[in-house]
PDB file of N, CA and C in Angstrom:
ATOM      1  N   MET A   1     100.483 105.926 121.539  1.00  0.00           N
ATOM      2  CA  MET A   1     100.396 105.082 119.788  1.00  0.00           C
ATOM      3  C   MET A   1      99.916 103.673 119.482  1.00  0.00           C
ATOM      4  N   THR A   2      99.391 103.503 118.292  1.00  0.00           N
ATOM      5  CA  THR A   2      98.395 102.127 118.478  1.00  0.00           C
ATOM      6  C   THR A   2      99.580 101.413 117.605  1.00  0.00           C
ATOM      7  N   VAL A   3      99.586 100.053 117.405  1.00  0.00           N
ATOM      8  CA  VAL A   3     100.762  99.716 116.208  1.00  0.00           C
ATOM      9  C   VAL A   3     100.929  99.868 115.115  1.00  0.00           C
ATOM     10  N   ILE A   4      99.594 100.071 114.205  1.00  0.00           N
ATOM     11  CA  ILE A   4      99.759 100.495 112.733  1.00  0.00           C
ATOM     12  C   ILE A   4     100.086 101.854 112.866  1.00  0.00           C
ATOM     13  N   VAL A   5      99.455 103.193 114.138  1.00  0.00           N
ATOM     14  CA  VAL A   5     100.102 104.064 113.712  1.00  0.00           C
ATOM     15  C   VAL A   5     101.529 103.952 113.740  1.00  0.00           C
ATOM     16  N   PHE A   6     102.460 103.646 114.437  1.00  0.00           N
ATOM     17  CA  PHE A   6     103.245 103.399 114.534  1.00  0.00           C
ATOM     18  C   PHE A   6     103.888 103.309 112.886  1.00  0.00           C
ATOM     19  N   ILE A   7     103.611 101.578 112.559  1.00  0.00           N
ATOM     20  CA  ILE A   7     103.672 101.265 111.482  1.00  0.00           C
ATOM     21  C   ILE A   7     103.978 103.064 110.253  1.00  0.00           C
ATOM     22  N   LEU A   8     103.042 102.853 110.168  1.00  0.00           N
ATOM     23  CA  LEU A   8     102.500 104.280 109.303  1.00  0.00           C
ATOM     24  C   LEU A   8     103.734 105.189 109.194  1.00  0.00           C
ATOM     25  N   TRP A   9     103.937 105.833 111.121  1.00  0.00           N
ATOM     26  CA  TRP A   9     104.980 106.159 110.973  1.00  0.00           C
ATOM     27  C   TRP A   9     106.579 105.603 110.361  1.00  0.00           C
ATOM     28  N   PHE A  10     106.838 105.112 110.631  1.00  0.00           N
ATOM     29  CA  PHE A  10     108.592 104.208 111.168  1.00  0.00           C
ATOM     30  C   PHE A  10     108.463 104.511 109.077  1.00  0.00           C
ATOM     31  N   ALA A  11     107.481 104.247 108.369  1.00  0.00           N
ATOM     32  CA  ALA A  11     107.719 103.536 106.895  1.00  0.00           C
ATOM     33  C   ALA A  11     107.105 105.437 105.928  1.00  0.00           C
ATOM     34  N   ASN A  12     106.406 105.634 107.316  1.00  0.00           N
ATOM     35  CA  ASN A  12     106.515 107.498 106.174  1.00  0.00           C
ATOM     36  C   ASN A  12     108.470 107.925 106.933  1.00  0.00           C
ATOM     37  N   ILE A  13     109.204 107.511 107.343  1.00  0.00           N
ATOM     38  CA  ILE A  13     109.966 108.328 108.176  1.00  0.00           C
ATOM     39  C   ILE A  13     111.385 107.591 106.589  1.00  0.00           C
ATOM     40  N   CYS A  14     111.102 106.577 106.520  1.00  0.00           N
ATOM     41  CA  CYS A  14     111.851 105.487 105.812  1.00  0.00           C
ATOM     42  C   CYS A  14     111.559 105.852 104.548  1.00  0.00           C
ATOM     43  N   PHE A  15     110.186 106.097 103.880  1.00  0.00           N
ATOM     44  CA  PHE A  15     110.734 106.701 102.443  1.00  0.00           C
ATOM     45  C   PHE A  15     110.836 107.976 102.150  1.00  0.00           C
ATOM     46  N   ASP A  16     110.361 108.793 103.771  1.00  0.00           N
ATOM     47  CA  ASP A  16     110.927 110.597 103.269  1.00  0.00           C
ATOM     48  C   ASP A  16     113.040 110.648 103.375  1.00  0.00           C
ATOM     49  N   THR A  17     113.140 109.490 103.975  1.00  0.00           N
ATOM     50  CA  THR A  17     114.973 109.173 104.003  1.00  0.00           C
ATOM     51  C   THR A  17     115.240 109.063 103.138  1.00  0.00           C
ATOM     52  N   LEU A  18     114.455 107.934 102.371  1.00  0.00           N
ATOM     53  CA  LEU A  18     115.120 106.956 101.176  1.00  0.00           C
ATOM     54  C   LEU A  18     114.852 108.350  99.624  1.00  0.00           C
ATOM     55  N   GLY A  19     114.022 109.318  99.472  1.00  0.00           N
ATOM     56  CA  GLY A  19     113.606 110.338  98.902  1.00  0.00           C
ATOM     57  C   GLY A  19     114.307 111.360  99.000  1.00  0.00           C
ATOM     58  N   GLN A  20     114.519 112.177 100.426  1.00  0.00           N
ATOM     59  CA  GLN A  20     115.432 113.384 100.718  1.00  0.00           C
ATOM     60  C   GLN A  20     117.521 112.449  99.523  1.00  0.00           C
ATOM     61  N   THR A  21     116.862 111.363 100.402  1.00  0.00           N
ATOM     62  CA  THR A  21     119.017 110.677 100.067  1.00  0.00           C
ATOM     63  C   THR A  21     119.259 110.898  98.354  1.00  0.00           C
ATOM     64  N   ALA A  22     117.530 109.995  98.110  1.00  0.00           N
ATOM     65  CA  ALA A  22     117.976 109.785  96.371  1.00  0.00           C
ATOM     66  C   ALA A  22     117.852 110.880  95.634  1.00  0.00           C
ATOM     67  N   PHE A  23     117.064 111.998  95.722  1.00  0.00           N
ATOM     68  CA  PHE A  23     117.273 113.264  94.903  1.00  0.00           C
ATOM     69  C   PHE A  23     118.905 113.896  95.279  1.00  0.00           C
ATOM     70  N   LYS A  24     119.203 114.112  96.588  1.00  0.00           N
ATOM     71  CA  LYS A  24     120.988 114.479  96.943  1.00  0.00           C
ATOM     72  C   LYS A  24     121.959 113.528  96.270  1.00  0.00           C
ATOM     73  N   TYR A  25     121.551 112.692  95.888  1.00  0.00           N
ATOM     74  CA  TYR A  25     122.821 112.264  95.029  1.00  0.00           C
ATOM     75  C   TYR A  25     122.111 111.935  93.124  1.00  0.00           C
ATOM     76  N   ALA A  26     121.220 112.643  93.387  1.00  0.00           N
ATOM     77  CA  ALA A  26     120.792 113.354  90.957  1.00  0.00           C
ATOM     78  C   ALA A  26     121.214 114.208  91.495  1.00  0.00           C
ATOM     79  N   ALA A  27     121.332 114.859  92.855  1.00  0.00           N
ATOM     80  CA  ALA A  27     121.681 116.510  92.295  1.00  0.00           C
ATOM     81  C   ALA A  27     123.105 116.565  92.488  1.00  0.00           C
ATOM     82  N   ILE A  28     123.832 115.774  92.909  1.00  0.00           N
ATOM     83  CA  ILE A  28     125.453 115.845  92.728  1.00  0.00           C
ATOM     84  C   ILE A  28     125.860 115.282  91.274  1.00  0.00           C
ATOM     85  N   ALA A  29     125.182 113.702  90.574  1.00  0.00           N
ATOM     86  CA  ALA A  29     125.760 113.006  89.939  1.00  0.00           C
ATOM     87  C   ALA A  29     126.124 113.927  88.651  1.00  0.00           C
ATOM     88  N   PRO A  30     125.304 114.647  87.927  1.00  0.00           N
ATOM     89  CA  PRO A  30     125.662 115.042  86.674  1.00  0.00           C
ATOM     90  C   PRO A  30     127.110 115.647  86.753  1.00  0.00           C
ATOM     91  N   ASN A  31     127.878 114.661  86.144  1.00  0.00           N
ATOM     92  CA  ASN A  31     128.714 115.546  85.724  1.00  0.00           C
ATOM     93  C   ASN A  31     129.081 117.060  84.639  1.00  0.00           C
ATOM     94  N   ASN A  32     128.395 116.783  83.860  1.00  0.00           N
ATOM     95  CA  ASN A  32     127.719 117.853  83.382  1.00  0.00           C
ATOM     96  C   ASN A  32     127.002 119.180  83.673  1.00  0.00           C
ATOM     97  N   ARG A  33     127.708 119.571  83.843  1.00  0.00           N
ATOM     98  CA  ARG A  33     126.896 121.428  84.628  1.00  0.00           C
ATOM     99  C   ARG A  33     126.629 123.013  84.383  1.00  0.00           C
ATOM    100  N   ASN A  34     126.324 122.430  82.354  1.00  0.00           N
ATOM    101  CA  ASN A  34     126.468 124.012  81.671  1.00  0.00           C
ATOM    102  C   ASN A  34     124.548 124.014  81.822  1.00  0.00           C
ATOM    103  N   GLY A  35     124.169 124.625  81.702  1.00  0.00           N
ATOM    104  CA  GLY A  35     122.969 124.807  81.352  1.00  0.00           C
ATOM    105  C   GLY A  35     121.969 123.972  80.346  1.00  0.00           C
ATOM    106  N   TRP A  36     121.538 122.601  79.696  1.00  0.00           N
ATOM    107  CA  TRP A  36     119.944 122.100  79.712  1.00  0.00           C
ATOM    108  C   TRP A  36     121.191 120.697  79.571  1.00  0.00           C
ATOM    109  N   TYR A  37     121.824 120.407  79.595  1.00  0.00           N
ATOM    110  CA  TYR A  37     122.870 119.284  79.890  1.00  0.00           C
ATOM    111  C   TYR A  37     122.585 119.162  81.164  1.00  0.00           C
ATOM    112  N   TYR A  38     123.245 119.611  82.283  1.00  0.00           N
ATOM    113  CA  TYR A  38     123.006 118.798  83.542  1.00  0.00           C
ATOM    114  C   TYR A  38     121.507 119.112  83.961  1.00  0.00           C
ATOM    115  N   TRP A  39     119.836 118.872  83.090  1.00  0.00           N
ATOM    116  CA  TRP A  39     118.700 119.078  83.069  1.00  0.00           C
ATOM    117  C   TRP A  39     118.519 117.384  82.500  1.00  0.00           C
ATOM    118  N   VAL A  40     119.295 117.471  81.583  1.00  0.00           N
ATOM    119  CA  VAL A  40     119.453 115.975  80.808  1.00  0.00           C
ATOM    120  C   VAL A  40     119.958 115.535  81.461  1.00  0.00           C
ATOM    121  N   ASP A  41     120.806 115.087  82.286  1.00  0.00           N
ATOM    122  CA  ASP A  41     121.954 113.951  83.133  1.00  0.00           C
ATOM    123  C   ASP A  41     120.898 113.793  84.069  1.00  0.00           C
ATOM    124  N   LEU A  42     120.132 115.090  84.571  1.00  0.00           N
ATOM    125  CA  LEU A  42     119.654 114.668  86.014  1.00  0.00           C
ATOM    126  C   LEU A  42     117.929 113.524  85.369  1.00  0.00           C
ATOM    127  N   PHE A  43     117.296 114.453  84.725  1.00  0.00           N
ATOM    128  CA  PHE A  43     116.631 113.361  84.426  1.00  0.00           C
ATOM    129  C   PHE A  43     116.535 111.612  83.639  1.00  0.00           C
ATOM    130  N   SER A  44     117.729 111.364  83.298  1.00  0.00           N
ATOM    131  CA  SER A  44     118.503 110.167  82.874  1.00  0.00           C
ATOM    132  C   SER A  44     118.476 109.320  84.349  1.00  0.00           C
ATOM    133  N   ASN A  45     118.953 110.409  85.537  1.00  0.00           N
ATOM    134  CA  ASN A  45     119.676 109.512  86.485  1.00  0.00           C
ATOM    135  C   ASN A  45     118.544 108.388  87.699  1.00  0.00           C
ATOM    136  N   TYR A  46     118.685 107.106  87.780  1.00  0.00           N
ATOM    137  CA  TYR A  46     117.591 106.347  88.165  1.00  0.00           C
ATOM    138  C   TYR A  46     117.787 107.235  90.009  1.00  0.00           C
ATOM    139  N   TRP A  47     118.211 108.027  90.055  1.00  0.00           N
ATOM    140  CA  TRP A  47     118.456 108.704  91.950  1.00  0.00           C
ATOM    141  C   TRP A  47     117.190 109.313  92.565  1.00  0.00           C
ATOM    142  N   LEU A  48     116.885 110.401  90.556  1.00  0.00           N
ATOM    143  CA  LEU A  48     116.217 111.682  91.160  1.00  0.00           C
ATOM    144  C   LEU A  48     114.285 110.560  90.752  1.00  0.00           C
ATOM    145  N   TRP A  49     114.407 108.501  90.019  1.00  0.00           N
ATOM    146  CA  TRP A  49     112.857 108.267  90.037  1.00  0.00           C
ATOM    147  C   TRP A  49     112.742 107.554  90.937  1.00  0.00           C
ATOM    148  N   ILE A  50     114.280 106.782  91.283  1.00  0.00           N
ATOM    149  CA  ILE A  50     113.597 106.550  92.580  1.00  0.00           C
ATOM    150  C   ILE A  50     113.393 107.553  93.733  1.00  0.00           C
ATOM    151  N   GLY A  51     113.976 108.828  93.962  1.00  0.00           N
ATOM    152  CA  GLY A  51     113.748 109.806  94.514  1.00  0.00           C
ATOM    153  C   GLY A  51     111.300 110.557  94.828  1.00  0.00           C
ATOM    154  N   ILE A  52     110.910 109.854  93.722  1.00  0.00           N
ATOM    155  CA  ILE A  52     109.667 110.680  93.141  1.00  0.00           C
ATOM    156  C   ILE A  52     108.903 109.362  93.268  1.00  0.00           C
ATOM    157  N   ALA A  53     109.435 107.841  93.350  1.00  0.00           N
ATOM    158  CA  ALA A  53     108.554 107.197  94.059  1.00  0.00           C
ATOM    159  C   ALA A  53     108.110 107.406  95.220  1.00  0.00           C
ATOM    160  N   SER A  54     109.417 107.035  95.464  1.00  0.00           N
ATOM    161  CA  SER A  54     109.838 107.147  97.593  1.00  0.00           C
ATOM    162  C   SER A  54     109.101 108.386  97.594  1.00  0.00           C
ATOM    163  N   TYR A  55     109.001 109.767  97.017  1.00  0.00           N
ATOM    164  CA  TYR A  55     108.800 110.817  97.232  1.00  0.00           C
ATOM    165  C   TYR A  55     106.654 110.618  97.393  1.00  0.00           C
ATOM    166  N   VAL A  56     106.329 109.677  95.952  1.00  0.00           N
ATOM    167  CA  VAL A  56     104.817 109.261  96.073  1.00  0.00           C
ATOM    168  C   VAL A  56     104.249 108.000  97.316  1.00  0.00           C
ATOM    169  N   ALA A  57     104.943 107.692  97.504  1.00  0.00           N
ATOM    170  CA  ALA A  57     105.067 106.120  98.799  1.00  0.00           C
ATOM    171  C   ALA A  57     104.445 107.227 100.037  1.00  0.00           C
ATOM    172  N   GLU A  58     105.527 108.206 100.040  1.00  0.00           N
ATOM    173  CA  GLU A  58     106.081 108.838 101.874  1.00  0.00           C
ATOM    174  C   GLU A  58     104.129 109.444 101.590  1.00  0.00           C
ATOM    175  N   PHE A  59     104.037 110.508 100.013  1.00  0.00           N
ATOM    176  CA  PHE A  59     102.184 111.290 100.222  1.00  0.00           C
ATOM    177  C   PHE A  59     100.792 110.116 100.364  1.00  0.00           C
ATOM    178  N   LEU A  60     101.057 109.396 100.558  1.00  0.00           N
ATOM    179  CA  LEU A  60      99.873 107.933 100.747  1.00  0.00           C
ATOM    180  C   LEU A  60     100.241 107.874 101.741  1.00  0.00           C
ATOM    181  N   LEU A  61     101.211 107.038 102.297  1.00  0.00           N
ATOM    182  CA  LEU A  61     101.412 106.904 103.810  1.00  0.00           C
ATOM    183  C   LEU A  61     101.498 108.059 104.401  1.00  0.00           C
ATOM    184  N   TRP A  62     101.767 109.041 103.860  1.00  0.00           N
ATOM    185  CA  TRP A  62     101.813 110.741 105.552  1.00  0.00           C
ATOM    186  C   TRP A  62      99.659 110.922 105.028  1.00  0.00           C
ATOM    187  N   LEU A  63      98.786 110.170 104.747  1.00  0.00           N
ATOM    188  CA  LEU A  63      97.871 110.746 104.571  1.00  0.00           C
ATOM    189  C   LEU A  63      97.264 109.372 105.397  1.00  0.00           C
ATOM    190  N   ALA A  64      97.752 108.550 105.545  1.00  0.00           N
ATOM    191  CA  ALA A  64      97.135 107.283 105.853  1.00  0.00           C
ATOM    192  C   ALA A  64      97.857 107.321 107.403  1.00  0.00           C
ATOM    193  N   PHE A  65      98.488 108.143 107.609  1.00  0.00           N
ATOM    194  CA  PHE A  65      99.553 108.377 109.123  1.00  0.00           C
ATOM    195  C   PHE A  65      98.101 109.766 109.596  1.00  0.00           C
ATOM    196  N   LEU A  66      97.829 110.792 108.801  1.00  0.00           N
ATOM    197  CA  LEU A  66      96.942 112.140 108.988  1.00  0.00           C
ATOM    198  C   LEU A  66      95.276 111.046 109.349  1.00  0.00           C
ATOM    199  N   SER A  67      95.705 110.791 109.038  1.00  0.00           N
ATOM    200  CA  SER A  67      93.676 109.118 109.347  1.00  0.00           C
ATOM    201  C   SER A  67      93.546 109.054 110.507  1.00  0.00           C
ATOM    202  N   GLN A  68      94.750 108.635 110.972  1.00  0.00           N
ATOM    203  CA  GLN A  68      94.986 108.320 112.626  1.00  0.00           C
ATOM    204  C   GLN A  68      94.823 108.969 113.679  1.00  0.00           C
ATOM    205  N   VAL A  69      95.790 110.188 113.012  1.00  0.00           N
ATOM    206  CA  VAL A  69      95.501 111.517 114.480  1.00  0.00           C
ATOM    207  C   VAL A  69      96.122 112.340 113.291  1.00  0.00           C
ATOM    208  N   PRO A  70      95.943 112.932 114.881  1.00  0.00           N
ATOM    209  CA  PRO A  70      95.204 114.864 115.364  1.00  0.00           C
ATOM    210  C   PRO A  70      96.416 115.342 114.189  1.00  0.00           C
ATOM    211  N   LEU A  71      95.753 115.900 112.985  1.00  0.00           N
ATOM    212  CA  LEU A  71      96.679 117.276 112.762  1.00  0.00           C
ATOM    213  C   LEU A  71      97.972 117.186 113.633  1.00  0.00           C
ATOM    214  N   SER A  72      98.011 117.978 115.039  1.00  0.00           N
ATOM    215  CA  SER A  72      98.454 118.656 115.066  1.00  0.00           C
ATOM    216  C   SER A  72      99.484 117.445 116.049  1.00  0.00           C
ATOM    217  N   GLN A  73      98.993 116.460 116.166  1.00  0.00           N
ATOM    218  CA  GLN A  73     100.149 116.004 116.659  1.00  0.00           C
ATOM    219  C   GLN A  73     100.763 114.994 115.258  1.00  0.00           C
ATOM    220  N   GLY A  74     100.572 114.643 114.693  1.00  0.00           N
ATOM    221  CA  GLY A  74     101.463 113.922 113.070  1.00  0.00           C
ATOM    222  C   GLY A  74     101.624 115.094 112.730  1.00  0.00           C
ATOM    223  N   ILE A  75     101.479 116.198 112.727  1.00  0.00           N
ATOM    224  CA  ILE A  75     103.244 117.378 112.623  1.00  0.00           C
ATOM    225  C   ILE A  75     104.155 117.262 113.525  1.00  0.00           C
ATOM    226  N   LEU A  76     103.792 117.243 114.657  1.00  0.00           N
ATOM    227  CA  LEU A  76     104.901 117.010 115.272  1.00  0.00           C
ATOM    228  C   LEU A  76     106.087 116.058 115.159  1.00  0.00           C
ATOM    229  N   LEU A  77     105.362 114.515 115.696  1.00  0.00           N
ATOM    230  CA  LEU A  77     106.230 113.093 115.270  1.00  0.00           C
ATOM    231  C   LEU A  77     106.590 113.648 113.620  1.00  0.00           C
ATOM    232  N   GLY A  78     105.798 114.407 112.694  1.00  0.00           N
ATOM    233  CA  GLY A  78     106.530 114.359 111.193  1.00  0.00           C
ATOM    234  C   GLY A  78     108.164 114.822 111.144  1.00  0.00           C
ATOM    235  N   SER A  79     108.467 115.367 112.392  1.00  0.00           N
ATOM    236  CA  SER A  79     109.637 116.212 111.783  1.00  0.00           C
ATOM    237  C   SER A  79     111.008 115.095 113.019  1.00  0.00           C
ATOM    238  N   ILE A  80     109.976 114.423 113.626  1.00  0.00           N
ATOM    239  CA  ILE A  80     111.783 112.763 114.023  1.00  0.00           C
ATOM    240  C   ILE A  80     112.495 113.015 112.661  1.00  0.00           C
ATOM    241  N   ASN A  81     112.031 113.396 110.953  1.00  0.00           N
ATOM    242  CA  ASN A  81     112.401 113.172 109.405  1.00  0.00           C
ATOM    243  C   ASN A  81     113.399 113.809 109.633  1.00  0.00           C
ATOM    244  N   ILE A  82     113.468 115.389 110.880  1.00  0.00           N
ATOM    245  CA  ILE A  82     114.820 116.115 110.092  1.00  0.00           C
ATOM    246  C   ILE A  82     115.756 115.717 111.046  1.00  0.00           C
ATOM    247  N   ILE A  83     116.531 114.538 112.025  1.00  0.00           N
ATOM    248  CA  ILE A  83     117.147 113.789 112.687  1.00  0.00           C
ATOM    249  C   ILE A  83     117.802 113.408 112.054  1.00  0.00           C
ATOM    250  N   VAL A  84     116.697 112.349 111.621  1.00  0.00           N
ATOM    251  CA  VAL A  84     117.124 111.068 110.421  1.00  0.00           C
ATOM    252  C   VAL A  84     117.943 111.657 109.493  1.00  0.00           C
ATOM    253  N   LEU A  85     117.346 112.958 109.379  1.00  0.00           N
ATOM    254  CA  LEU A  85     117.710 113.072 107.790  1.00  0.00           C
ATOM    255  C   LEU A  85     119.312 114.241 107.908  1.00  0.00           C
ATOM    256  N   MET A  86     119.449 114.662 109.233  1.00  0.00           N
ATOM    257  CA  MET A  86     121.015 115.303 108.977  1.00  0.00           C
ATOM    258  C   MET A  86     122.002 113.614 109.631  1.00  0.00           C
ATOM    259  N   LEU A  87     121.488 113.197 110.387  1.00  0.00           N
ATOM    260  CA  LEU A  87     121.903 112.227 110.382  1.00  0.00           C
ATOM    261  C   LEU A  87     123.077 111.568 109.155  1.00  0.00           C
ATOM    262  N   VAL A  88     121.170 110.951 108.432  1.00  0.00           N
ATOM    263  CA  VAL A  88     121.678 110.170 106.982  1.00  0.00           C
ATOM    264  C   VAL A  88     123.202 110.990 105.530  1.00  0.00           C
ATOM    265  N   GLY A  89     122.703 112.153 105.433  1.00  0.00           N
ATOM    266  CA  GLY A  89     123.471 113.468 105.667  1.00  0.00           C
ATOM    267  C   GLY A  89     124.985 113.710 105.916  1.00  0.00           C
ATOM    268  N   ARG A  90     125.418 112.833 107.511  1.00  0.00           N
ATOM    269  CA  ARG A  90     126.672 113.099 108.643  1.00  0.00           C
ATOM    270  C   ARG A  90     126.502 111.539 107.850  1.00  0.00           C
ATOM    271  N   ILE A  91     126.831 110.691 107.806  1.00  0.00           N
ATOM    272  CA  ILE A  91     126.820 109.698 107.410  1.00  0.00           C
ATOM    273  C   ILE A  91     127.634 109.415 105.851  1.00  0.00           C
ATOM    274  N   LEU A  92     126.298 110.028 105.187  1.00  0.00           N
ATOM    275  CA  LEU A  92     126.578 109.213 103.061  1.00  0.00           C
ATOM    276  C   LEU A  92     127.245 110.334 102.870  1.00  0.00           C
ATOM    277  N   PHE A  93     127.082 111.481 103.198  1.00  0.00           N
ATOM    278  CA  PHE A  93     127.701 113.031 102.925  1.00  0.00           C
ATOM    279  C   PHE A  93     128.903 113.648 103.433  1.00  0.00           C
ATOM    280  N   GLN A  94     129.521 113.205 104.411  1.00  0.00           N
ATOM    281  CA  GLN A  94     129.874 113.295 105.228  1.00  0.00           C
ATOM    282  C   GLN A  94     129.895 115.583 106.142  1.00  0.00           C
ATOM    283  N   GLU A  95     128.392 115.828 106.374  1.00  0.00           N
ATOM    284  CA  GLU A  95     127.647 116.429 106.490  1.00  0.00           C
ATOM    285  C   GLU A  95     128.221 117.110 107.620  1.00  0.00           C
ATOM    286  N   LYS A  96     128.627 118.091 108.238  1.00  0.00           N
ATOM    287  CA  LYS A  96     129.270 118.945 109.393  1.00  0.00           C
ATOM    288  C   LYS A  96     128.068 118.823 110.297  1.00  0.00           C
ATOM    289  N   LEU A  97     128.197 118.288 111.443  1.00  0.00           N
ATOM    290  CA  LEU A  97     127.321 118.722 112.709  1.00  0.00           C
ATOM    291  C   LEU A  97     127.457 119.227 113.870  1.00  0.00           C
ATOM    292  N   THR A  98     127.133 120.540 113.565  1.00  0.00           N
ATOM    293  CA  THR A  98     127.507 121.399 114.407  1.00  0.00           C
ATOM    294  C   THR A  98     126.840 121.318 115.919  1.00  0.00           C
ATOM    295  N   ARG A  99     127.628 122.498 116.938  1.00  0.00           N
ATOM    296  CA  ARG A  99     127.153 122.436 118.023  1.00  0.00           C
ATOM    297  C   ARG A  99     125.708 122.810 118.678  1.00  0.00           C
ATOM    298  N   PHE A 100     125.522 123.577 117.440  1.00  0.00           N
ATOM    299  CA  PHE A 100     124.237 124.126 117.358  1.00  0.00           C
ATOM    300  C   PHE A 100     123.157 123.089 116.648  1.00  0.00           C
ATOM    301  N   ARG A 101     122.995 122.175 115.860  1.00  0.00           N
ATOM    302  CA  ARG A 101     122.456 121.321 114.722  1.00  0.00           C
ATOM    303  C   ARG A 101     121.979 120.402 116.261  1.00  0.00           C
ATOM    304  N   LEU A 102     123.773 119.915 116.975  1.00  0.00           N
ATOM    305  CA  LEU A 102     123.090 119.232 117.664  1.00  0.00           C
ATOM    306  C   LEU A 102     122.245 119.079 118.925  1.00  0.00           C
ATOM    307  N   ILE A 103     122.482 120.379 119.834  1.00  0.00           N
ATOM    308  CA  ILE A 103     120.892 120.994 120.195  1.00  0.00           C
ATOM    309  C   ILE A 103     120.093 121.301 119.577  1.00  0.00           C
ATOM    310  N   GLY A 104     119.888 122.058 117.902  1.00  0.00           N
ATOM    311  CA  GLY A 104     118.269 121.269 118.180  1.00  0.00           C
ATOM    312  C   GLY A 104     117.776 119.911 117.586  1.00  0.00           C
ATOM    313  N   MET A 105     118.610 119.102 117.751  1.00  0.00           N
ATOM    314  CA  MET A 105     118.427 117.803 117.012  1.00  0.00           C
ATOM    315  C   MET A 105     118.091 117.294 118.681  1.00  0.00           C
ATOM    316  N   PHE A 106     118.473 117.516 119.465  1.00  0.00           N
ATOM    317  CA  PHE A 106     118.152 116.984 120.608  1.00  0.00           C
ATOM    318  C   PHE A 106     117.017 117.706 121.224  1.00  0.00           C
ATOM    319  N   CYS A 107     116.616 119.403 120.645  1.00  0.00           N
ATOM    320  CA  CYS A 107     115.224 119.647 121.547  1.00  0.00           C
ATOM    321  C   CYS A 107     114.418 119.167 120.363  1.00  0.00           C
ATOM    322  N   ILE A 108     114.323 118.946 118.937  1.00  0.00           N
ATOM    323  CA  ILE A 108     113.325 118.096 118.455  1.00  0.00           C
ATOM    324  C   ILE A 108     112.651 116.271 119.034  1.00  0.00           C
ATOM    325  N   THR A 109     114.059 115.906 119.708  1.00  0.00           N
ATOM    326  CA  THR A 109     113.922 114.737 119.611  1.00  0.00           C
ATOM    327  C   THR A 109     113.137 114.601 121.118  1.00  0.00           C
ATOM    328  N   ILE A 110     113.189 115.814 122.282  1.00  0.00           N
ATOM    329  CA  ILE A 110     112.767 115.631 122.902  1.00  0.00           C
ATOM    330  C   ILE A 110     111.380 115.562 122.650  1.00  0.00           C
ATOM    331  N   GLY A 111     111.339 116.724 122.096  1.00  0.00           N
ATOM    332  CA  GLY A 111     109.779 117.300 121.533  1.00  0.00           C
ATOM    333  C   GLY A 111     108.487 116.142 121.124  1.00  0.00           C
ATOM    334  N   VAL A 112     109.857 115.916 120.099  1.00  0.00           N
ATOM    335  CA  VAL A 112     109.243 113.550 119.054  1.00  0.00           C
ATOM    336  C   VAL A 112     108.767 113.383 120.575  1.00  0.00           C
ATOM    337  N   VAL A 113     109.478 112.944 121.220  1.00  0.00           N
ATOM    338  CA  VAL A 113     109.527 111.809 122.203  1.00  0.00           C
ATOM    339  C   VAL A 113     108.197 112.534 123.722  1.00  0.00           C
ATOM    340  N   LEU A 114     108.041 114.216 123.730  1.00  0.00           N
ATOM    341  CA  LEU A 114     106.860 114.580 124.855  1.00  0.00           C
ATOM    342  C   LEU A 114     105.335 113.511 123.631  1.00  0.00           C
ATOM    343  N   VAL A 115     104.807 114.539 122.672  1.00  0.00           N
ATOM    344  CA  VAL A 115     103.913 114.260 122.148  1.00  0.00           C
ATOM    345  C   VAL A 115     103.346 112.255 121.477  1.00  0.00           C
ATOM    346  N   GLY A 116     104.629 111.794 121.268  1.00  0.00           N
ATOM    347  CA  GLY A 116     104.178 110.656 120.839  1.00  0.00           C
ATOM    348  C   GLY A 116     104.064 109.819 123.132  1.00  0.00           C
ATOM    349  N   ALA A 117     104.164 110.471 123.951  1.00  0.00           N
ATOM    350  CA  ALA A 117     103.842 110.027 125.112  1.00  0.00           C
ATOM    351  C   ALA A 117     102.735 110.259 124.571  1.00  0.00           C
ATOM    352  N   SER A 118     102.203 110.700 125.208  1.00  0.00           N
ATOM    353  CA  SER A 118     100.707 111.967 124.880  1.00  0.00           C
ATOM    354  C   SER A 118      99.716 111.235 124.576  1.00  0.00           C
TER     355      SER A 118
END
């Protein structure tokens, strides 16, 4: 993996993680959960807009990344986002990491390492 591919891959992971985390914060932040008021509160929440901006940046980085690697390799390398998000969910939102989730994370990690090394 060249330096530019690694930088694009790492930046993509960072922006995807930021976007997903911001969307989670936006989804749980509104106090009023009654119909229309939830959506008004949601769209006035800055976390939603951080998430949208992160996704725009991630989209552009993903296109640049895919222009440098074969699609099959890019998709597999991109799956590391799942692991990063599970860890962030555990740290920030106290989500559970069950035994099966940990086994899945291990399998994904091994797969990404094997694909990245090829």
